[in-house]
Amino acid sequence: IIVKDRIRKDFGDISELAQDIKENGLINPPVVIPEENGTFTLLAGERRIRAMKQLGYPQVEVRTWKTLTEEEKLNVEISENEVRKEFSKAERVEYGRRLERIEREKAKERQGTRTDLTSEKIFPEVTRPNDVVAEKLGIGSGKQYEHEKAIVDNRDLISAEDFANWDEGKLSTNKVYQQIKAELNRQKAENERLRNRPPETKTVVREVQVVPDDYESAKREARQLNTEYHRMAEKWQKADAERQALLKEKESAQNQETEHLRTTALAFNAGIANFIERYGGYVWLTEHVDEIPDRERNGFISGLNALEAWVYQMQENITKPKRKELL
């Protein structure tokens, strides 16, 4: 179903209609006109089609109608929509513009049938197209219809709120038209003022380069300072690189010393374990110390005293506070 340009722009609450179709079914199918290429053009029922799409239905039952003229199609669309939801003023203007095109074509056809242009009017009922359109729209006069078209065409000259209120019938056409007319007159006056104002006097500014007397000497001094700056920068960079190298070297030495202390401590622990394993079984000898000859007994006791003194010294070194030297 091909939906061509429609007058209706505000479709209202489609969800409410979709819920009604879901509960009660599609009572009144949309109306379409079959085309020669096998497609169908919508004549009436766009809200129902939108509701069916919202429900996820892949197809819809329709009623087909014979081929109609543009005026007949327009009249069906107007009748179909206004029964369900009244057109807004902007939509009514769009309807009027389409009626204008149809009325102009009808006027041309009537003009082509005239054979005596000097006699009285053959069609006395024919009036201005705007009046005909206004009468069909039910808005009183062609002048009011012209005002409504002006409002639609110049909606950017008023606030969106005022346009919406007019479109919904909350503001009168005359009030909004007068706002637009006043703004158009203001713009016209401003354009006229700009066209008639005297030409502006342009001030020509010429830039003159002034070179001081000491310019060359100052430039040479700046070059020398720049050279000195680069030389000092290279010196500072070199000194910083040397400092970084010393720090890395010191860190490496500290790491080596730490590793040496770690391996020495491990070796010490292993030596103590070997000593205990090797000589731990000689404790029984202390129970028979009085039976050992004097020379050997004195040597045995002297060895124990030396061992005790060594252990005491080791514990003393561990427990006493250490002094931290500042580098």
C-alpha atoms as a PDB file:
ATOM      1  CA  ILE A   1       0.000   0.000   0.000  1.00  0.00           C
ATOM      2  CA  ILE A   2       1.575   3.282  -1.121  1.00  0.00           C
ATOM      3  CA  VAL A   3       0.799   6.246   1.134  1.00  0.00           C
ATOM      4  CA  LYS A   4       1.251   9.453  -0.824  1.00  0.00           C
ATOM      5  CA  ASP A   5       1.368  12.990   0.551  1.00  0.00           C
ATOM      6  CA  ARG A   6      -1.550  13.288   2.949  1.00  0.00           C
ATOM      7  CA  ILE A   7      -3.170  16.298   4.535  1.00  0.00           C
ATOM      8  CA  ARG A   8      -3.326  14.681   7.960  1.00  0.00           C
ATOM      9  CA  LYS A   9      -0.053  15.266   9.867  1.00  0.00           C
ATOM     10  CA  ASP A  10      -1.278  14.748  13.443  1.00  0.00           C
ATOM     11  CA  PHE A  11      -2.480  11.148  13.828  1.00  0.00           C
ATOM     12  CA  GLY A  12      -3.508  11.373  17.473  1.00  0.00           C
ATOM     13  CA  ASP A  13      -3.126   8.424  19.882  1.00  0.00           C
ATOM     14  CA  ILE A  14      -2.333   5.441  17.637  1.00  0.00           C
ATOM     15  CA  SER A  15      -1.802   3.158  20.662  1.00  0.00           C
ATOM     16  CA  GLU A  16      -5.420   3.550  21.755  1.00  0.00           C
ATOM     17  CA  LEU A  17      -6.646   2.650  18.264  1.00  0.00           C
ATOM     18  CA  ALA A  18      -4.243  -0.317  18.090  1.00  0.00           C
ATOM     19  CA  GLN A  19      -5.550  -1.662  21.400  1.00  0.00           C
ATOM     20  CA  ASP A  20      -9.137  -1.374  20.139  1.00  0.00           C
ATOM     21  CA  ILE A  21      -8.249  -3.285  16.938  1.00  0.00           C
ATOM     22  CA  LYS A  22      -6.469  -5.942  18.990  1.00  0.00           C
ATOM     23  CA  GLU A  23      -9.490  -6.446  21.239  1.00  0.00           C
ATOM     24  CA  ASN A  24     -12.353  -5.990  18.735  1.00  0.00           C
ATOM     25  CA  GLY A  25     -10.781  -6.610  15.333  1.00  0.00           C
ATOM     26  CA  LEU A  26     -10.663  -4.320  12.304  1.00  0.00           C
ATOM     27  CA  ILE A  27     -14.316  -3.341  11.880  1.00  0.00           C
ATOM     28  CA  ASN A  28     -13.840  -0.821   9.071  1.00  0.00           C
ATOM     29  CA  PRO A  29     -10.997  -1.777   6.661  1.00  0.00           C
ATOM     30  CA  PRO A  30      -8.874   0.934   4.946  1.00  0.00           C
ATOM     31  CA  VAL A  31      -9.841   1.905   1.399  1.00  0.00           C
ATOM     32  CA  VAL A  32      -7.325   1.691  -1.472  1.00  0.00           C
ATOM     33  CA  ILE A  33      -7.301   2.352  -5.195  1.00  0.00           C
ATOM     34  CA  PRO A  34      -5.670  -0.317  -7.399  1.00  0.00           C
ATOM     35  CA  GLU A  35      -2.944   0.962  -9.733  1.00  0.00           C
ATOM     36  CA  GLU A  36      -1.918  -0.430 -13.109  1.00  0.00           C
ATOM     37  CA  ASN A  37       1.484  -1.601 -11.841  1.00  0.00           C
ATOM     38  CA  GLY A  38      -0.080  -3.925  -9.274  1.00  0.00           C
ATOM     39  CA  THR A  39       0.306  -1.631  -6.270  1.00  0.00           C
ATOM     40  CA  PHE A  40      -2.403   0.088  -4.239  1.00  0.00           C
ATOM     41  CA  THR A  41      -2.665   3.762  -3.293  1.00  0.00           C
ATOM     42  CA  LEU A  42      -4.224   4.589   0.071  1.00  0.00           C
ATOM     43  CA  LEU A  43      -7.477   6.511  -0.119  1.00  0.00           C
ATOM     44  CA  ALA A  44      -8.629   6.355   3.509  1.00  0.00           C
ATOM     45  CA  GLY A  45      -7.465   4.723   6.734  1.00  0.00           C
ATOM     46  CA  GLU A  46      -3.839   5.746   7.357  1.00  0.00           C
ATOM     47  CA  ARG A  47      -4.364   5.733  11.153  1.00  0.00           C
ATOM     48  CA  ARG A  48      -5.670   2.154  10.954  1.00  0.00           C
ATOM     49  CA  ILE A  49      -2.654   1.071   8.861  1.00  0.00           C
ATOM     50  CA  ARG A  50      -0.295   2.680  11.380  1.00  0.00           C
ATOM     51  CA  ALA A  51      -2.101   0.903  14.217  1.00  0.00           C
ATOM     52  CA  MET A  52      -1.817  -2.469  12.411  1.00  0.00           C
ATOM     53  CA  LYS A  53       1.935  -1.897  11.899  1.00  0.00           C
ATOM     54  CA  GLN A  54       2.281  -1.054  15.585  1.00  0.00           C
ATOM     55  CA  LEU A  55       0.626  -4.366  16.407  1.00  0.00           C
ATOM     56  CA  GLY A  56       3.087  -6.147  14.112  1.00  0.00           C
ATOM     57  CA  TYR A  57       0.487  -7.395  11.636  1.00  0.00           C
ATOM     58  CA  PRO A  58       2.151  -8.191   8.267  1.00  0.00           C
ATOM     59  CA  GLN A  59      -1.000  -7.575   6.190  1.00  0.00           C
ATOM     60  CA  VAL A  60      -4.359  -5.852   6.448  1.00  0.00           C
ATOM     61  CA  GLU A  61      -7.786  -6.405   4.939  1.00  0.00           C
ATOM     62  CA  VAL A  62      -8.782  -3.540   2.615  1.00  0.00           C
ATOM     63  CA  ARG A  63     -11.647  -2.404   0.435  1.00  0.00           C
ATOM     64  CA  THR A  64     -10.848  -1.334  -3.120  1.00  0.00           C
ATOM     65  CA  TRP A  65     -12.429   1.585  -4.889  1.00  0.00           C
ATOM     66  CA  LYS A  66     -12.704   2.620  -8.503  1.00  0.00           C
ATOM     67  CA  THR A  67     -10.323   5.159 -10.008  1.00  0.00           C
ATOM     68  CA  LEU A  68     -11.213   8.672  -8.797  1.00  0.00           C
ATOM     69  CA  THR A  69     -10.347  12.195  -9.882  1.00  0.00           C
ATOM     70  CA  GLU A  70      -8.035  14.262  -7.694  1.00  0.00           C
ATOM     71  CA  GLU A  71     -11.002  16.251  -6.390  1.00  0.00           C
ATOM     72  CA  GLU A  72     -12.905  13.087  -5.505  1.00  0.00           C
ATOM     73  CA  LYS A  73      -9.848  11.648  -3.708  1.00  0.00           C
ATOM     74  CA  LEU A  74      -9.440  14.893  -1.771  1.00  0.00           C
ATOM     75  CA  ASN A  75     -13.111  14.968  -0.762  1.00  0.00           C
ATOM     76  CA  VAL A  76     -12.945  11.349   0.455  1.00  0.00           C
ATOM     77  CA  GLU A  77      -9.832  12.048   2.532  1.00  0.00           C
ATOM     78  CA  ILE A  78     -11.417  15.124   4.110  1.00  0.00           C
ATOM     79  CA  SER A  79     -14.680  13.330   4.876  1.00  0.00           C
ATOM     80  CA  GLU A  80     -12.884  10.294   6.265  1.00  0.00           C
ATOM     81  CA  ASN A  81     -10.626  12.311   8.597  1.00  0.00           C
ATOM     82  CA  GLU A  82     -12.907  15.052   9.863  1.00  0.00           C
ATOM     83  CA  VAL A  83     -15.455  12.525  11.090  1.00  0.00           C
ATOM     84  CA  ARG A  84     -12.795  10.999  13.351  1.00  0.00           C
ATOM     85  CA  LYS A  85     -10.527  13.898  14.281  1.00  0.00           C
ATOM     86  CA  GLU A  86     -10.969  17.516  13.227  1.00  0.00           C
ATOM     87  CA  PHE A  87      -8.152  18.978  11.144  1.00  0.00           C
ATOM     88  CA  SER A  88      -5.839  21.515  12.707  1.00  0.00           C
ATOM     89  CA  LYS A  89      -5.713  24.939  11.065  1.00  0.00           C
ATOM     90  CA  ALA A  90      -2.371  24.180   9.369  1.00  0.00           C
ATOM     91  CA  GLU A  91      -3.799  20.938   7.969  1.00  0.00           C
ATOM     92  CA  ARG A  92      -6.880  22.850   6.838  1.00  0.00           C
ATOM     93  CA  VAL A  93      -4.639  25.301   4.956  1.00  0.00           C
ATOM     94  CA  GLU A  94      -2.943  22.365   3.215  1.00  0.00           C
ATOM     95  CA  TYR A  95      -6.384  21.079   2.233  1.00  0.00           C
ATOM     96  CA  GLY A  96      -7.212  24.575   0.916  1.00  0.00           C
ATOM     97  CA  ARG A  97      -4.068  24.745  -1.222  1.00  0.00           C
ATOM     98  CA  ARG A  98      -4.992  21.471  -2.894  1.00  0.00           C
ATOM     99  CA  LEU A  99      -8.519  22.747  -3.472  1.00  0.00           C
ATOM    100  CA  GLU A 100      -7.034  25.887  -5.067  1.00  0.00           C
ATOM    101  CA  ARG A 101      -5.146  23.819  -7.631  1.00  0.00           C
ATOM    102  CA  ILE A 102      -8.302  21.870  -8.471  1.00  0.00           C
ATOM    103  CA  GLU A 103     -10.422  25.046  -8.721  1.00  0.00           C
ATOM    104  CA  ARG A 104      -7.885  26.687 -11.047  1.00  0.00           C
ATOM    105  CA  GLU A 105      -7.988  23.667 -13.364  1.00  0.00           C
ATOM    106  CA  LYS A 106     -11.798  23.748 -13.325  1.00  0.00           C
ATOM    107  CA  ALA A 107     -11.746  27.487 -14.080  1.00  0.00           C
ATOM    108  CA  LYS A 108      -9.480  26.887 -17.078  1.00  0.00           C
ATOM    109  CA  GLU A 109     -11.839  24.223 -18.363  1.00  0.00           C
ATOM    110  CA  ARG A 110     -14.817  26.529 -17.988  1.00  0.00           C
ATOM    111  CA  GLN A 111     -12.939  29.366 -19.694  1.00  0.00           C
ATOM    112  CA  GLY A 112     -12.155  27.043 -22.597  1.00  0.00           C
ATOM    113  CA  THR A 113     -15.865  26.339 -23.169  1.00  0.00           C
ATOM    114  CA  ARG A 114     -16.792  30.001 -23.650  1.00  0.00           C
ATOM    115  CA  THR A 115     -17.693  31.009 -27.222  1.00  0.00           C
ATOM    116  CA  ASP A 116     -18.958  34.568 -26.795  1.00  0.00           C
ATOM    117  CA  LEU A 117     -16.610  36.659 -24.693  1.00  0.00           C
ATOM    118  CA  THR A 118     -18.631  39.833 -25.270  1.00  0.00           C
ATOM    119  CA  SER A 119     -21.862  38.586 -23.792  1.00  0.00           C
ATOM    120  CA  GLU A 120     -22.788  38.448 -20.141  1.00  0.00           C
ATOM    121  CA  LYS A 121     -21.005  36.015 -17.902  1.00  0.00           C
ATOM    122  CA  ILE A 122     -21.906  32.487 -18.840  1.00  0.00           C
ATOM    123  CA  PHE A 123     -20.957  31.291 -15.340  1.00  0.00           C
ATOM    124  CA  PRO A 124     -22.329  33.934 -12.939  1.00  0.00           C
ATOM    125  CA  GLU A 125     -21.881  31.585  -9.996  1.00  0.00           C
ATOM    126  CA  VAL A 126     -18.061  31.553 -10.372  1.00  0.00           C
ATOM    127  CA  THR A 127     -16.353  33.775  -7.805  1.00  0.00           C
ATOM    128  CA  ARG A 128     -12.755  34.271  -6.721  1.00  0.00           C
ATOM    129  CA  PRO A 129     -10.969  30.906  -6.123  1.00  0.00           C
ATOM    130  CA  ASN A 130     -10.086  31.896  -2.554  1.00  0.00           C
ATOM    131  CA  ASP A 131     -13.729  32.534  -1.747  1.00  0.00           C
ATOM    132  CA  VAL A 132     -14.685  29.161  -3.215  1.00  0.00           C
ATOM    133  CA  VAL A 133     -12.001  27.440  -1.141  1.00  0.00           C
ATOM    134  CA  ALA A 134     -12.981  29.366   1.999  1.00  0.00           C
ATOM    135  CA  GLU A 135     -16.592  28.340   1.548  1.00  0.00           C
ATOM    136  CA  LYS A 136     -15.648  24.679   1.204  1.00  0.00           C
ATOM    137  CA  LEU A 137     -13.375  24.947   4.225  1.00  0.00           C
ATOM    138  CA  GLY A 138     -16.148  26.627   6.199  1.00  0.00           C
ATOM    139  CA  ILE A 139     -13.971  29.535   7.405  1.00  0.00           C
ATOM    140  CA  GLY A 140     -16.081  32.490   6.298  1.00  0.00           C
ATOM    141  CA  SER A 141     -14.195  34.388   3.614  1.00  0.00           C
ATOM    142  CA  GLY A 142     -11.335  34.213   1.168  1.00  0.00           C
ATOM    143  CA  LYS A 143      -9.608  36.997   3.110  1.00  0.00           C
ATOM    144  CA  GLN A 144      -9.457  34.914   6.277  1.00  0.00           C
ATOM    145  CA  TYR A 145      -8.159  31.984   4.232  1.00  0.00           C
ATOM    146  CA  GLU A 146      -5.392  34.241   2.869  1.00  0.00           C
ATOM    147  CA  HIS A 147      -4.526  35.238   6.440  1.00  0.00           C
ATOM    148  CA  GLU A 148      -4.306  31.597   7.501  1.00  0.00           C
ATOM    149  CA  LYS A 149      -1.997  30.818   4.563  1.00  0.00           C
ATOM    150  CA  ALA A 150       0.190  33.781   5.554  1.00  0.00           C
ATOM    151  CA  ILE A 151       0.457  32.422   9.102  1.00  0.00           C
ATOM    152  CA  VAL A 152       1.530  28.976   7.865  1.00  0.00           C
ATOM    153  CA  ASP A 153       4.043  30.445   5.404  1.00  0.00           C
ATOM    154  CA  ASN A 154       5.562  32.813   8.002  1.00  0.00           C
ATOM    155  CA  ARG A 155       5.413  30.643  11.100  1.00  0.00           C
ATOM    156  CA  ASP A 156       9.115  31.364  11.763  1.00  0.00           C
ATOM    157  CA  LEU A 157       8.215  35.000  12.550  1.00  0.00           C
ATOM    158  CA  ILE A 158       6.255  34.029  15.672  1.00  0.00           C
ATOM    159  CA  SER A 159       7.022  31.790  18.604  1.00  0.00           C
ATOM    160  CA  ALA A 160       6.450  28.052  18.342  1.00  0.00           C
ATOM    161  CA  GLU A 161       4.036  28.318  21.283  1.00  0.00           C
ATOM    162  CA  ASP A 162       1.886  30.979  19.561  1.00  0.00           C
ATOM    163  CA  PHE A 163       1.793  28.947  16.344  1.00  0.00           C
ATOM    164  CA  ALA A 164       0.765  25.794  18.228  1.00  0.00           C
ATOM    165  CA  ASN A 165      -1.963  27.694  20.106  1.00  0.00           C
ATOM    166  CA  TRP A 166      -3.279  29.138  16.827  1.00  0.00           C
ATOM    167  CA  ASP A 167      -3.117  25.739  15.125  1.00  0.00           C
ATOM    168  CA  GLU A 168      -5.208  24.259  17.949  1.00  0.00           C
ATOM    169  CA  GLY A 169      -7.704  27.156  17.885  1.00  0.00           C
ATOM    170  CA  LYS A 170      -6.567  28.761  21.155  1.00  0.00           C
ATOM    171  CA  LEU A 171      -5.485  32.004  19.425  1.00  0.00           C
ATOM    172  CA  SER A 172      -7.528  33.821  16.800  1.00  0.00           C
ATOM    173  CA  THR A 173      -6.345  34.065  13.207  1.00  0.00           C
ATOM    174  CA  ASN A 174      -6.594  37.852  13.259  1.00  0.00           C
ATOM    175  CA  LYS A 175      -4.417  38.232  16.358  1.00  0.00           C
ATOM    176  CA  VAL A 176      -1.638  36.002  15.037  1.00  0.00           C
ATOM    177  CA  TYR A 177      -1.862  37.514  11.543  1.00  0.00           C
ATOM    178  CA  GLN A 178      -1.429  41.006  12.998  1.00  0.00           C
ATOM    179  CA  GLN A 179       1.727  39.828  14.818  1.00  0.00           C
ATOM    180  CA  ILE A 180       3.169  38.503  11.570  1.00  0.00           C
ATOM    181  CA  LYS A 181       2.111  41.609   9.633  1.00  0.00           C
ATOM    182  CA  ALA A 182       3.783  43.871  12.207  1.00  0.00           C
ATOM    183  CA  GLU A 183       7.004  41.850  12.020  1.00  0.00           C
ATOM    184  CA  LEU A 184       6.979  41.915   8.204  1.00  0.00           C
ATOM    185  CA  ASN A 185       6.466  45.698   8.270  1.00  0.00           C
ATOM    186  CA  ARG A 186       9.327  46.058  10.732  1.00  0.00           C
ATOM    187  CA  GLN A 187      11.625  44.016   8.510  1.00  0.00           C
ATOM    188  CA  LYS A 188      10.531  46.017   5.463  1.00  0.00           C
ATOM    189  CA  ALA A 189      11.270  49.308   7.232  1.00  0.00           C
ATOM    190  CA  GLU A 190      14.653  48.029   8.362  1.00  0.00           C
ATOM    191  CA  ASN A 191      15.542  46.932   4.841  1.00  0.00           C
ATOM    192  CA  GLU A 192      14.466  50.336   3.520  1.00  0.00           C
ATOM    193  CA  ARG A 193      16.600  52.089   6.126  1.00  0.00           C
ATOM    194  CA  LEU A 194      19.619  50.020   5.177  1.00  0.00           C
ATOM    195  CA  ARG A 195      19.095  50.744   1.491  1.00  0.00           C
ATOM    196  CA  ASN A 196      18.790  54.510   2.036  1.00  0.00           C
ATOM    197  CA  ARG A 197      21.521  55.072   4.585  1.00  0.00           C
ATOM    198  CA  PRO A 198      24.512  57.093   3.386  1.00  0.00           C
ATOM    199  CA  PRO A 199      27.633  55.178   2.424  1.00  0.00           C
ATOM    200  CA  GLU A 200      29.999  54.582   5.259  1.00  0.00           C
ATOM    201  CA  THR A 201      33.318  56.417   5.288  1.00  0.00           C
ATOM    202  CA  LYS A 202      36.080  53.903   5.261  1.00  0.00           C
ATOM    203  CA  THR A 203      39.290  54.606   7.120  1.00  0.00           C
ATOM    204  CA  VAL A 204      42.345  53.222   5.399  1.00  0.00           C
ATOM    205  CA  VAL A 205      44.962  51.987   7.832  1.00  0.00           C
ATOM    206  CA  ARG A 206      48.437  51.625   6.420  1.00  0.00           C
ATOM    207  CA  GLU A 207      50.896  49.560   8.396  1.00  0.00           C
ATOM    208  CA  VAL A 208      54.404  51.063   8.550  1.00  0.00           C
ATOM    209  CA  GLN A 209      57.272  48.996   9.870  1.00  0.00           C
ATOM    210  CA  VAL A 210      59.555  51.001  12.162  1.00  0.00           C
ATOM    211  CA  VAL A 211      63.050  49.627  12.774  1.00  0.00           C
ATOM    212  CA  PRO A 212      64.860  51.017  15.863  1.00  0.00           C
ATOM    213  CA  ASP A 213      68.464  52.180  15.578  1.00  0.00           C
ATOM    214  CA  ASP A 214      69.818  49.386  17.768  1.00  0.00           C
ATOM    215  CA  TYR A 215      67.873  46.670  15.964  1.00  0.00           C
ATOM    216  CA  GLU A 216      70.899  44.923  14.438  1.00  0.00           C
ATOM    217  CA  SER A 217      72.931  44.996  17.671  1.00  0.00           C
ATOM    218  CA  ALA A 218      69.926  43.694  19.627  1.00  0.00           C
ATOM    219  CA  LYS A 219      69.478  40.899  17.091  1.00  0.00           C
ATOM    220  CA  ARG A 220      73.181  39.894  17.423  1.00  0.00           C
ATOM    221  CA  GLU A 221      72.892  39.953  21.217  1.00  0.00           C
ATOM    222  CA  ALA A 222      69.797  37.761  21.038  1.00  0.00           C
ATOM    223  CA  ARG A 223      71.651  35.271  18.854  1.00  0.00           C
ATOM    224  CA  GLN A 224      74.547  35.173  21.338  1.00  0.00           C
ATOM    225  CA  LEU A 225      72.152  34.644  24.250  1.00  0.00           C
ATOM    226  CA  ASN A 226      70.436  31.896  22.324  1.00  0.00           C
ATOM    227  CA  THR A 227      73.776  30.187  21.616  1.00  0.00           C
ATOM    228  CA  GLU A 228      74.765  30.482  25.280  1.00  0.00           C
ATOM    229  CA  TYR A 229      71.437  29.062  26.339  1.00  0.00           C
ATOM    230  CA  HIS A 230      71.887  25.982  24.124  1.00  0.00           C
ATOM    231  CA  ARG A 231      75.444  25.506  25.412  1.00  0.00           C
ATOM    232  CA  MET A 232      74.301  25.635  29.058  1.00  0.00           C
ATOM    233  CA  ALA A 233      71.374  23.344  28.255  1.00  0.00           C
ATOM    234  CA  GLU A 234      73.741  20.745  26.794  1.00  0.00           C
ATOM    235  CA  LYS A 235      75.947  21.058  29.879  1.00  0.00           C
ATOM    236  CA  TRP A 236      72.972  20.538  32.213  1.00  0.00           C
ATOM    237  CA  GLN A 237      71.786  17.574  30.191  1.00  0.00           C
ATOM    238  CA  LYS A 238      75.248  15.984  30.341  1.00  0.00           C
ATOM    239  CA  ALA A 239      75.472  16.557  34.109  1.00  0.00           C
ATOM    240  CA  ASP A 240      72.032  15.053  34.609  1.00  0.00           C
ATOM    241  CA  ALA A 241      72.981  12.009  32.517  1.00  0.00           C
ATOM    242  CA  GLU A 242      76.107  11.525  34.667  1.00  0.00           C
ATOM    243  CA  ARG A 243      74.056  11.816  37.855  1.00  0.00           C
ATOM    244  CA  GLN A 244      71.596   9.235  36.571  1.00  0.00           C
ATOM    245  CA  ALA A 245      74.479   6.898  35.733  1.00  0.00           C
ATOM    246  CA  LEU A 246      75.947   7.282  39.255  1.00  0.00           C
ATOM    247  CA  LEU A 247      72.582   6.554  40.822  1.00  0.00           C
ATOM    248  CA  LYS A 248      72.239   3.416  38.728  1.00  0.00           C
ATOM    249  CA  GLU A 249      75.789   2.377  39.624  1.00  0.00           C
ATOM    250  CA  LYS A 250      75.119   2.946  43.327  1.00  0.00           C
ATOM    251  CA  GLU A 251      71.865   1.026  43.096  1.00  0.00           C
ATOM    252  CA  SER A 252      73.698  -1.826  41.392  1.00  0.00           C
ATOM    253  CA  ALA A 253      76.384  -1.863  44.145  1.00  0.00           C
ATOM    254  CA  GLN A 254      73.681  -1.893  46.822  1.00  0.00           C
ATOM    255  CA  ASN A 255      71.983  -4.780  45.089  1.00  0.00           C
ATOM    256  CA  GLN A 256      75.274  -6.694  44.924  1.00  0.00           C
ATOM    257  CA  GLU A 257      75.960  -6.061  48.624  1.00  0.00           C
ATOM    258  CA  THR A 258      72.445  -7.216  49.520  1.00  0.00           C
ATOM    259  CA  GLU A 259      72.908 -10.374  47.496  1.00  0.00           C
ATOM    260  CA  HIS A 260      76.294 -11.024  49.204  1.00  0.00           C
ATOM    261  CA  LEU A 261      74.701 -10.616  52.647  1.00  0.00           C
ATOM    262  CA  ARG A 262      71.837 -12.919  51.680  1.00  0.00           C
ATOM    263  CA  THR A 263      74.142 -15.723  50.470  1.00  0.00           C
ATOM    264  CA  THR A 264      76.432 -15.330  53.512  1.00  0.00           C
ATOM    265  CA  ALA A 265      73.478 -15.631  55.881  1.00  0.00           C
ATOM    266  CA  LEU A 266      72.365 -18.766  54.064  1.00  0.00           C
ATOM    267  CA  ALA A 267      75.870 -20.215  54.310  1.00  0.00           C
ATOM    268  CA  PHE A 268      75.980 -19.388  58.034  1.00  0.00           C
ATOM    269  CA  ASN A 269      72.673 -21.143  58.651  1.00  0.00           C
ATOM    270  CA  ALA A 270      73.897 -24.162  56.759  1.00  0.00           C
ATOM    271  CA  GLY A 271      77.158 -24.182  58.781  1.00  0.00           C
ATOM    272  CA  ILE A 272      75.291 -24.016  62.097  1.00  0.00           C
ATOM    273  CA  ALA A 273      73.042 -26.856  60.975  1.00  0.00           C
ATOM    274  CA  ASN A 274      76.095 -28.938  60.008  1.00  0.00           C
ATOM    275  CA  PHE A 275      77.803 -28.141  63.327  1.00  0.00           C
ATOM    276  CA  ILE A 276      74.788 -29.222  65.365  1.00  0.00           C
ATOM    277  CA  GLU A 277      74.363 -32.295  63.235  1.00  0.00           C
ATOM    278  CA  ARG A 278      78.024 -33.176  63.613  1.00  0.00           C
ATOM    279  CA  TYR A 279      78.634 -32.354  67.321  1.00  0.00           C
ATOM    280  CA  GLY A 280      75.144 -32.439  68.817  1.00  0.00           C
ATOM    281  CA  GLY A 281      75.647 -36.050  69.885  1.00  0.00           C
ATOM    282  CA  TYR A 282      78.577 -35.152  72.185  1.00  0.00           C
ATOM    283  CA  VAL A 283      76.351 -33.752  74.948  1.00  0.00           C
ATOM    284  CA  TRP A 284      76.888 -36.965  76.900  1.00  0.00           C
ATOM    285  CA  LEU A 285      80.537 -35.944  77.266  1.00  0.00           C
ATOM    286  CA  THR A 286      79.557 -33.144  79.717  1.00  0.00           C
ATOM    287  CA  GLU A 287      78.302 -35.771  82.191  1.00  0.00           C
ATOM    288  CA  HIS A 288      81.748 -37.333  82.319  1.00  0.00           C
ATOM    289  CA  VAL A 289      83.871 -34.187  82.265  1.00  0.00           C
ATOM    290  CA  ASP A 290      85.448 -35.041  85.646  1.00  0.00           C
ATOM    291  CA  GLU A 291      86.722 -38.322  84.242  1.00  0.00           C
ATOM    292  CA  ILE A 292      88.664 -36.632  81.427  1.00  0.00           C
ATOM    293  CA  PRO A 293      92.411 -36.098  82.091  1.00  0.00           C
ATOM    294  CA  ASP A 294      93.269 -32.558  83.210  1.00  0.00           C
ATOM    295  CA  ARG A 295      94.940 -31.394  80.041  1.00  0.00           C
ATOM    296  CA  GLU A 296      92.158 -32.597  77.760  1.00  0.00           C
ATOM    297  CA  ARG A 297      89.434 -31.479  80.215  1.00  0.00           C
ATOM    298  CA  ASN A 298      90.853 -27.933  80.318  1.00  0.00           C
ATOM    299  CA  GLY A 299      90.930 -27.846  76.519  1.00  0.00           C
ATOM    300  CA  PHE A 300      87.334 -29.144  76.356  1.00  0.00           C
ATOM    301  CA  ILE A 301      86.053 -26.478  78.818  1.00  0.00           C
ATOM    302  CA  SER A 302      88.108 -23.781  77.069  1.00  0.00           C
ATOM    303  CA  GLY A 303      86.433 -24.676  73.741  1.00  0.00           C
ATOM    304  CA  LEU A 304      82.961 -24.491  75.326  1.00  0.00           C
ATOM    305  CA  ASN A 305      83.791 -21.094  76.840  1.00  0.00           C
ATOM    306  CA  ALA A 306      85.030 -19.789  73.492  1.00  0.00           C
ATOM    307  CA  LEU A 307      81.852 -21.061  71.800  1.00  0.00           C
ATOM    308  CA  GLU A 308      79.691 -19.415  74.470  1.00  0.00           C
ATOM    309  CA  ALA A 309      81.569 -16.107  74.132  1.00  0.00           C
ATOM    310  CA  TRP A 310      81.099 -16.183  70.329  1.00  0.00           C
ATOM    311  CA  VAL A 311      77.349 -16.811  70.658  1.00  0.00           C
ATOM    312  CA  TYR A 312      77.029 -14.030  73.222  1.00  0.00           C
ATOM    313  CA  GLN A 313      78.862 -11.597  70.959  1.00  0.00           C
ATOM    314  CA  MET A 314      76.628 -12.467  68.012  1.00  0.00           C
ATOM    315  CA  GLN A 315      73.462 -11.877  70.083  1.00  0.00           C
ATOM    316  CA  GLU A 316      74.908  -8.670  71.486  1.00  0.00           C
ATOM    317  CA  ASN A 317      75.521  -7.329  67.961  1.00  0.00           C
ATOM    318  CA  ILE A 318      71.979  -8.214  66.891  1.00  0.00           C
ATOM    319  CA  THR A 319      70.172  -6.640  69.864  1.00  0.00           C
ATOM    320  CA  LYS A 320      72.147  -3.429  70.325  1.00  0.00           C
ATOM    321  CA  PRO A 321      70.821  -0.327  68.411  1.00  0.00           C
ATOM    322  CA  LYS A 322      72.503   0.433  65.096  1.00  0.00           C
ATOM    323  CA  ARG A 323      73.744   3.870  64.089  1.00  0.00           C
ATOM    324  CA  LYS A 324      72.632   5.043  60.679  1.00  0.00           C
ATOM    325  CA  GLU A 325      75.218   7.067  58.874  1.00  0.00           C
ATOM    326  CA  LEU A 326      73.975   9.843  56.611  1.00  0.00           C
ATOM    327  CA  LEU A 327      75.397   9.826  53.073  1.00  0.00           C
END
